[in-house]
Amino acid sequence: MDAFLNSFLLVFAGEMGDKTQLLSLVLVTRFKKPWTILLGVLIATVLNHALASWAGAWVASLVEPRTMSWILAVIFFAFGLWILVPDKEEELKESSSRGVLFTTIVAFFLTEMGDKTQLATIALGARYTSIVLVTLGSTVGMMASNALAIFLGERMLKRIPMKWVRIAACILFMVFGVAILIGTT
């Protein structure tokens, strides 16, 4: 259950203010179909994070466990710092008009490629080697975070400064990195 819970927490926190969360907000503002957009996010996330979890487990099978722990700790520290750098809305590409679901799936899948939450899922897959639990946890974390953007985005940004959300997410990533190091000593 650790794999699921930690995957959920890290992806949920890591997604706050991320470009894919901004994409969800832009899509719902443009198309006004929140449930269709949420379904598109789900499909794209399952595909993307299953691939990322598998890649992480595969890499972990190639590297000695103690070395992998140090690599993962450094990665989580780097993600913690990276999350403090805000994504810019202008980085989002304009989506096509081929249908809300298709547009959401393609735009979200491509935007998530190489993103910190995808890379975190690879690291989580390497840490836990449980492709199913990491994929489920990271997908639920992604869905929860993007559901907030889709259904409550504009209202939330007026009440909670994004700076504080990023700081809290940074702390979570740092704690996870320290926990990995403590577990290897």
C-alpha atoms as a PDB file:
ATOM      1  CA  MET A   1       0.000   0.000   0.000  1.00  0.00           C
ATOM      2  CA  ASP A   2       3.024   2.300   0.424  1.00  0.00           C
ATOM      3  CA  ALA A   3       3.551   2.287  -3.337  1.00  0.00           C
ATOM      4  CA  PHE A   4      -0.024   3.443  -3.953  1.00  0.00           C
ATOM      5  CA  LEU A   5      -0.124   6.050  -1.177  1.00  0.00           C
ATOM      6  CA  ASN A   6       3.267   7.584  -1.899  1.00  0.00           C
ATOM      7  CA  SER A   7       2.594   7.617  -5.638  1.00  0.00           C
ATOM      8  CA  PHE A   8      -0.716   9.363  -4.988  1.00  0.00           C
ATOM      9  CA  LEU A   9       0.786  11.974  -2.632  1.00  0.00           C
ATOM     10  CA  LEU A  10       3.808  12.825  -4.748  1.00  0.00           C
ATOM     11  CA  VAL A  11       1.934  13.089  -8.031  1.00  0.00           C
ATOM     12  CA  PHE A  12      -0.944  15.021  -6.446  1.00  0.00           C
ATOM     13  CA  ALA A  13       1.471  17.523  -4.881  1.00  0.00           C
ATOM     14  CA  GLY A  14       3.735  17.604  -7.918  1.00  0.00           C
ATOM     15  CA  GLU A  15       0.861  18.380 -10.230  1.00  0.00           C
ATOM     16  CA  MET A  16      -0.176  21.529  -8.354  1.00  0.00           C
ATOM     17  CA  GLY A  17       0.456  24.474 -10.656  1.00  0.00           C
ATOM     18  CA  ASP A  18       1.998  22.189 -13.268  1.00  0.00           C
ATOM     19  CA  LYS A  19       1.489  22.822 -16.982  1.00  0.00           C
ATOM     20  CA  THR A  20      -0.817  19.797 -17.305  1.00  0.00           C
ATOM     21  CA  GLN A  21      -3.017  21.180 -14.543  1.00  0.00           C
ATOM     22  CA  LEU A  22      -3.025  24.522 -16.365  1.00  0.00           C
ATOM     23  CA  LEU A  23      -3.916  22.638 -19.554  1.00  0.00           C
ATOM     24  CA  SER A  24      -6.940  21.107 -17.789  1.00  0.00           C
ATOM     25  CA  LEU A  25      -8.037  24.578 -16.717  1.00  0.00           C
ATOM     26  CA  VAL A  26      -7.584  25.939 -20.262  1.00  0.00           C
ATOM     27  CA  LEU A  27      -9.491  23.008 -21.811  1.00  0.00           C
ATOM     28  CA  VAL A  28     -12.462  23.338 -19.475  1.00  0.00           C
ATOM     29  CA  THR A  29     -12.532  27.099 -20.013  1.00  0.00           C
ATOM     30  CA  ARG A  30     -12.480  26.590 -23.774  1.00  0.00           C
ATOM     31  CA  PHE A  31     -14.806  23.592 -24.194  1.00  0.00           C
ATOM     32  CA  LYS A  32     -17.068  23.809 -21.111  1.00  0.00           C
ATOM     33  CA  LYS A  33     -17.277  19.982 -20.861  1.00  0.00           C
ATOM     34  CA  PRO A  34     -15.652  19.124 -17.529  1.00  0.00           C
ATOM     35  CA  TRP A  35     -16.627  15.428 -17.407  1.00  0.00           C
ATOM     36  CA  THR A  36     -15.404  14.755 -20.945  1.00  0.00           C
ATOM     37  CA  ILE A  37     -12.136  16.521 -20.173  1.00  0.00           C
ATOM     38  CA  LEU A  38     -11.732  14.540 -16.951  1.00  0.00           C
ATOM     39  CA  LEU A  39     -12.251  11.299 -18.918  1.00  0.00           C
ATOM     40  CA  GLY A  40      -9.604  12.406 -21.419  1.00  0.00           C
ATOM     41  CA  VAL A  41      -7.194  13.166 -18.567  1.00  0.00           C
ATOM     42  CA  LEU A  42      -7.866   9.705 -17.119  1.00  0.00           C
ATOM     43  CA  ILE A  43      -7.180   7.887 -20.400  1.00  0.00           C
ATOM     44  CA  ALA A  44      -4.015   9.872 -21.131  1.00  0.00           C
ATOM     45  CA  THR A  45      -2.743   9.470 -17.555  1.00  0.00           C
ATOM     46  CA  VAL A  46      -3.292   5.707 -17.411  1.00  0.00           C
ATOM     47  CA  LEU A  47      -1.403   5.257 -20.695  1.00  0.00           C
ATOM     48  CA  ASN A  48       1.386   7.661 -19.756  1.00  0.00           C
ATOM     49  CA  HIS A  49       1.894   6.532 -16.162  1.00  0.00           C
ATOM     50  CA  ALA A  50       1.670   2.802 -16.946  1.00  0.00           C
ATOM     51  CA  LEU A  51       4.512   3.339 -19.406  1.00  0.00           C
ATOM     52  CA  ALA A  52       6.433   5.398 -16.821  1.00  0.00           C
ATOM     53  CA  SER A  53       5.903   2.834 -14.026  1.00  0.00           C
ATOM     54  CA  TRP A  54       7.078   0.030 -16.280  1.00  0.00           C
ATOM     55  CA  ALA A  55      10.173   2.028 -17.301  1.00  0.00           C
ATOM     56  CA  GLY A  56      11.024   2.676 -13.647  1.00  0.00           C
ATOM     57  CA  ALA A  57      10.664  -0.979 -12.681  1.00  0.00           C
ATOM     58  CA  TRP A  58      12.793  -1.990 -15.668  1.00  0.00           C
ATOM     59  CA  VAL A  59      15.575   0.455 -14.724  1.00  0.00           C
ATOM     60  CA  ALA A  60      15.455  -0.769 -11.104  1.00  0.00           C
ATOM     61  CA  SER A  61      16.035  -4.329 -12.324  1.00  0.00           C
ATOM     62  CA  LEU A  62      19.290  -3.195 -13.944  1.00  0.00           C
ATOM     63  CA  VAL A  63      20.789  -1.214 -11.042  1.00  0.00           C
ATOM     64  CA  GLU A  64      22.039  -2.419  -7.647  1.00  0.00           C
ATOM     65  CA  PRO A  65      19.477  -1.529  -4.911  1.00  0.00           C
ATOM     66  CA  ARG A  66      21.768   0.683  -2.778  1.00  0.00           C
ATOM     67  CA  THR A  67      22.865   2.676  -5.828  1.00  0.00           C
ATOM     68  CA  MET A  68      19.237   2.963  -6.944  1.00  0.00           C
ATOM     69  CA  SER A  69      18.276   4.368  -3.523  1.00  0.00           C
ATOM     70  CA  TRP A  70      20.863   7.121  -3.803  1.00  0.00           C
ATOM     71  CA  ILE A  71      19.829   7.907  -7.385  1.00  0.00           C
ATOM     72  CA  LEU A  72      16.163   8.074  -6.354  1.00  0.00           C
ATOM     73  CA  ALA A  73      16.898  10.324  -3.362  1.00  0.00           C
ATOM     74  CA  VAL A  74      18.793  12.764  -5.591  1.00  0.00           C
ATOM     75  CA  ILE A  75      15.963  12.667  -8.138  1.00  0.00           C
ATOM     76  CA  PHE A  76      13.354  13.476  -5.477  1.00  0.00           C
ATOM     77  CA  PHE A  77      15.494  16.335  -4.112  1.00  0.00           C
ATOM     78  CA  ALA A  78      15.800  17.696  -7.669  1.00  0.00           C
ATOM     79  CA  PHE A  79      12.026  17.381  -8.207  1.00  0.00           C
ATOM     80  CA  GLY A  80      11.462  19.227  -4.940  1.00  0.00           C
ATOM     81  CA  LEU A  81      13.526  22.141  -6.209  1.00  0.00           C
ATOM     82  CA  TRP A  82      12.081  21.933  -9.729  1.00  0.00           C
ATOM     83  CA  ILE A  83       8.539  22.239  -8.424  1.00  0.00           C
ATOM     84  CA  LEU A  84       9.389  25.672  -7.036  1.00  0.00           C
ATOM     85  CA  VAL A  85       9.815  26.939 -10.613  1.00  0.00           C
ATOM     86  CA  PRO A  86       6.342  27.830 -11.918  1.00  0.00           C
ATOM     87  CA  ASP A  87       5.211  26.681 -15.350  1.00  0.00           C
ATOM     88  CA  LYS A  88       4.084  29.409 -17.701  1.00  0.00           C
ATOM     89  CA  GLU A  89       0.652  29.314 -19.287  1.00  0.00           C
ATOM     90  CA  GLU A  90       2.094  30.446 -22.619  1.00  0.00           C
ATOM     91  CA  GLU A  91       4.046  27.149 -22.790  1.00  0.00           C
ATOM     92  CA  LEU A  92       0.738  25.386 -23.459  1.00  0.00           C
ATOM     93  CA  LYS A  93       0.086  24.702 -27.115  1.00  0.00           C
ATOM     94  CA  GLU A  94      -3.267  25.498 -28.703  1.00  0.00           C
ATOM     95  CA  SER A  95      -5.262  22.286 -29.122  1.00  0.00           C
ATOM     96  CA  SER A  96      -7.046  21.149 -32.267  1.00  0.00           C
ATOM     97  CA  SER A  97     -10.826  21.098 -32.635  1.00  0.00           C
ATOM     98  CA  ARG A  98     -11.197  17.338 -33.406  1.00  0.00           C
ATOM     99  CA  GLY A  99     -13.470  16.730 -30.487  1.00  0.00           C
ATOM    100  CA  VAL A 100     -13.107  17.463 -26.819  1.00  0.00           C
ATOM    101  CA  LEU A 101     -12.182  13.918 -25.732  1.00  0.00           C
ATOM    102  CA  PHE A 102      -9.613  13.316 -28.483  1.00  0.00           C
ATOM    103  CA  THR A 103      -8.118  16.783 -28.021  1.00  0.00           C
ATOM    104  CA  THR A 104      -7.815  16.257 -24.278  1.00  0.00           C
ATOM    105  CA  ILE A 105      -6.225  12.798 -24.599  1.00  0.00           C
ATOM    106  CA  VAL A 106      -3.648  13.868 -27.172  1.00  0.00           C
ATOM    107  CA  ALA A 107      -2.839  17.247 -25.613  1.00  0.00           C
ATOM    108  CA  PHE A 108      -2.601  15.841 -22.103  1.00  0.00           C
ATOM    109  CA  PHE A 109      -0.525  12.784 -23.086  1.00  0.00           C
ATOM    110  CA  LEU A 110       1.964  14.899 -25.044  1.00  0.00           C
ATOM    111  CA  THR A 111       2.157  17.627 -22.399  1.00  0.00           C
ATOM    112  CA  GLU A 112       2.855  15.027 -19.703  1.00  0.00           C
ATOM    113  CA  MET A 113       5.806  13.543 -21.661  1.00  0.00           C
ATOM    114  CA  GLY A 114       8.995  14.468 -19.825  1.00  0.00           C
ATOM    115  CA  ASP A 115       7.017  16.378 -17.198  1.00  0.00           C
ATOM    116  CA  LYS A 116       8.075  16.212 -13.548  1.00  0.00           C
ATOM    117  CA  THR A 117       5.098  14.052 -12.577  1.00  0.00           C
ATOM    118  CA  GLN A 118       5.881  11.557 -15.347  1.00  0.00           C
ATOM    119  CA  LEU A 119       9.530  11.487 -14.285  1.00  0.00           C
ATOM    120  CA  ALA A 120       8.440  11.127 -10.651  1.00  0.00           C
ATOM    121  CA  THR A 121       6.305   8.142 -11.705  1.00  0.00           C
ATOM    122  CA  ILE A 122       9.356   6.574 -13.362  1.00  0.00           C
ATOM    123  CA  ALA A 123      11.290   7.087 -10.118  1.00  0.00           C
ATOM    124  CA  LEU A 124       8.400   5.668  -8.084  1.00  0.00           C
ATOM    125  CA  GLY A 125       8.251   2.649 -10.395  1.00  0.00           C
ATOM    126  CA  ALA A 126      11.951   2.133  -9.752  1.00  0.00           C
ATOM    127  CA  ARG A 127      11.502   2.582  -6.004  1.00  0.00           C
ATOM    128  CA  TYR A 128       8.599   0.167  -5.578  1.00  0.00           C
ATOM    129  CA  THR A 129       8.820  -2.097  -8.654  1.00  0.00           C
ATOM    130  CA  SER A 130       5.038  -2.482  -8.441  1.00  0.00           C
ATOM    131  CA  ILE A 131       3.847  -1.248 -11.800  1.00  0.00           C
ATOM    132  CA  VAL A 132       0.160  -1.667 -10.963  1.00  0.00           C
ATOM    133  CA  LEU A 133       0.213   0.099  -7.564  1.00  0.00           C
ATOM    134  CA  VAL A 134       2.433   2.940  -8.788  1.00  0.00           C
ATOM    135  CA  THR A 135       0.272   3.415 -11.891  1.00  0.00           C
ATOM    136  CA  LEU A 136      -2.927   3.387  -9.808  1.00  0.00           C
ATOM    137  CA  GLY A 137      -1.541   5.746  -7.157  1.00  0.00           C
ATOM    138  CA  SER A 138      -0.038   8.197  -9.632  1.00  0.00           C
ATOM    139  CA  THR A 139      -3.187   8.113 -11.767  1.00  0.00           C
ATOM    140  CA  VAL A 140      -5.455   8.802  -8.771  1.00  0.00           C
ATOM    141  CA  GLY A 141      -3.108  11.619  -7.700  1.00  0.00           C
ATOM    142  CA  MET A 142      -3.179  13.086 -11.209  1.00  0.00           C
ATOM    143  CA  MET A 143      -6.962  12.773 -11.405  1.00  0.00           C
ATOM    144  CA  ALA A 144      -7.512  14.405  -8.005  1.00  0.00           C
ATOM    145  CA  SER A 145      -5.217  17.292  -8.835  1.00  0.00           C
ATOM    146  CA  ASN A 146      -6.695  17.879 -12.271  1.00  0.00           C
ATOM    147  CA  ALA A 147     -10.262  17.472 -11.023  1.00  0.00           C
ATOM    148  CA  LEU A 148      -9.529  20.388  -8.686  1.00  0.00           C
ATOM    149  CA  ALA A 149      -8.377  22.450 -11.668  1.00  0.00           C
ATOM    150  CA  ILE A 150     -11.321  21.389 -13.821  1.00  0.00           C
ATOM    151  CA  PHE A 151     -14.074  21.922 -11.264  1.00  0.00           C
ATOM    152  CA  LEU A 152     -12.648  24.477  -8.806  1.00  0.00           C
ATOM    153  CA  GLY A 153      -9.587  25.986 -10.499  1.00  0.00           C
ATOM    154  CA  GLU A 154     -10.575  29.593 -10.810  1.00  0.00           C
ATOM    155  CA  ARG A 155     -12.054  29.785  -7.286  1.00  0.00           C
ATOM    156  CA  MET A 156      -9.048  28.062  -5.654  1.00  0.00           C
ATOM    157  CA  LEU A 157      -6.479  30.378  -7.234  1.00  0.00           C
ATOM    158  CA  LYS A 158      -8.233  33.341  -5.601  1.00  0.00           C
ATOM    159  CA  ARG A 159      -7.869  31.828  -2.089  1.00  0.00           C
ATOM    160  CA  ILE A 160      -4.596  29.884  -1.991  1.00  0.00           C
ATOM    161  CA  PRO A 161      -1.423  31.486  -3.356  1.00  0.00           C
ATOM    162  CA  MET A 162       0.302  29.085  -5.757  1.00  0.00           C
ATOM    163  CA  LYS A 163       3.619  29.957  -4.093  1.00  0.00           C
ATOM    164  CA  TRP A 164       2.511  28.183  -0.889  1.00  0.00           C
ATOM    165  CA  VAL A 165       1.199  25.174  -2.782  1.00  0.00           C
ATOM    166  CA  ARG A 166       4.585  24.814  -4.514  1.00  0.00           C
ATOM    167  CA  ILE A 167       6.475  25.149  -1.212  1.00  0.00           C
ATOM    168  CA  ALA A 168       4.335  22.422   0.397  1.00  0.00           C
ATOM    169  CA  ALA A 169       4.898  20.145  -2.611  1.00  0.00           C
ATOM    170  CA  CYS A 170       8.653  20.840  -2.470  1.00  0.00           C
ATOM    171  CA  ILE A 171       8.733  19.825   1.192  1.00  0.00           C
ATOM    172  CA  LEU A 172       6.870  16.592   0.395  1.00  0.00           C
ATOM    173  CA  PHE A 173       9.403  15.655  -2.299  1.00  0.00           C
ATOM    174  CA  MET A 174      12.311  16.460   0.051  1.00  0.00           C
ATOM    175  CA  VAL A 175      10.801  14.347   2.843  1.00  0.00           C
ATOM    176  CA  PHE A 176      10.401  11.448   0.427  1.00  0.00           C
ATOM    177  CA  GLY A 177      14.064  11.779  -0.649  1.00  0.00           C
ATOM    178  CA  VAL A 178      15.213  11.782   2.991  1.00  0.00           C
ATOM    179  CA  ALA A 179      13.004   8.765   3.752  1.00  0.00           C
ATOM    180  CA  ILE A 180      14.682   6.847   0.923  1.00  0.00           C
ATOM    181  CA  LEU A 181      18.132   7.684   2.310  1.00  0.00           C
ATOM    182  CA  ILE A 182      17.131   6.724   5.856  1.00  0.00           C
ATOM    183  CA  GLY A 183      15.839   3.402   4.549  1.00  0.00           C
ATOM    184  CA  THR A 184      19.200   2.592   2.928  1.00  0.00           C
ATOM    185  CA  THR A 185      21.432   3.150   5.954  1.00  0.00           C
END
